[in-house]
Amino acid sequence: MGLPQPGLWLKRLWILLQVALHVTLGKVQLKLFPGRVKQHILAMNRKNPHFSYDNWAPTLFSTQYFWFILKVRWQRLEDKTEEGSLAPNCPVVRLSGQRCHIWDFMQDGWAFKNNVVIKNHRNLQDRLQAAHLLLDRSPWCPVVVDTMKNQSSQLYAALPDRLYVLQEGRILYKGKPGPWNYHLEEVRAVLEKLRS
């Protein structure tokens, strides 16, 4: 695999400094203005009925938060997807354990409804077990999981979440990174245009 290019190292260093500053300032604001921070976070998440400030706030600006945000920002440096371009045909795993590729599901369409809180996976069995939680909610789409190499997540820059519309191997829609920057109404508009 080799070492990343020197330019990538510089970008990663710059992002490390940005995230460190973000977390440091966030901690200071949380200490000095806890009410204002809570009000701001609740306003940002008012559309999510499953959001609970009391469950999320203790992790805000923690060490785990720092490493997660850093991982997400570094991953976005390697984002190669563009609307209209060829969609990466990443390997995924069906819940039965059968390996296949993401393009195998394009003819059925995708629809996501509600979120499920799932812990990090240590192996493929953990990941498959977590995916079974989605089946309890009767999704309107096939459920597959990324391999433990996380190739789909990396190529689609999908961490923590991102919405795409794929058709015939092409990216028709690439949403902004979620959970705060994606817009379901944009996805709905693209899907409705496809149906007409």
Foldseek 3Di string as FASTA:
>chain_A
DDDDDPVLVVVLVVVLVVLVVVLVVVVVCCVPPVPVVLVVVCVLCVVAPPDDCVVPVVPRSDPVVSVQVSVLVSLVVQADADAFDFDDFAWWAALVRDIDTPVVFQVQWADDDDDDDADDDPAVVSVSVVQVVVVVVVGSGGTIGHHPVCPNCSHLSQVPHWDFRDHPRGTNDTFDHDDRGGDVVVVVVVVVVVVD
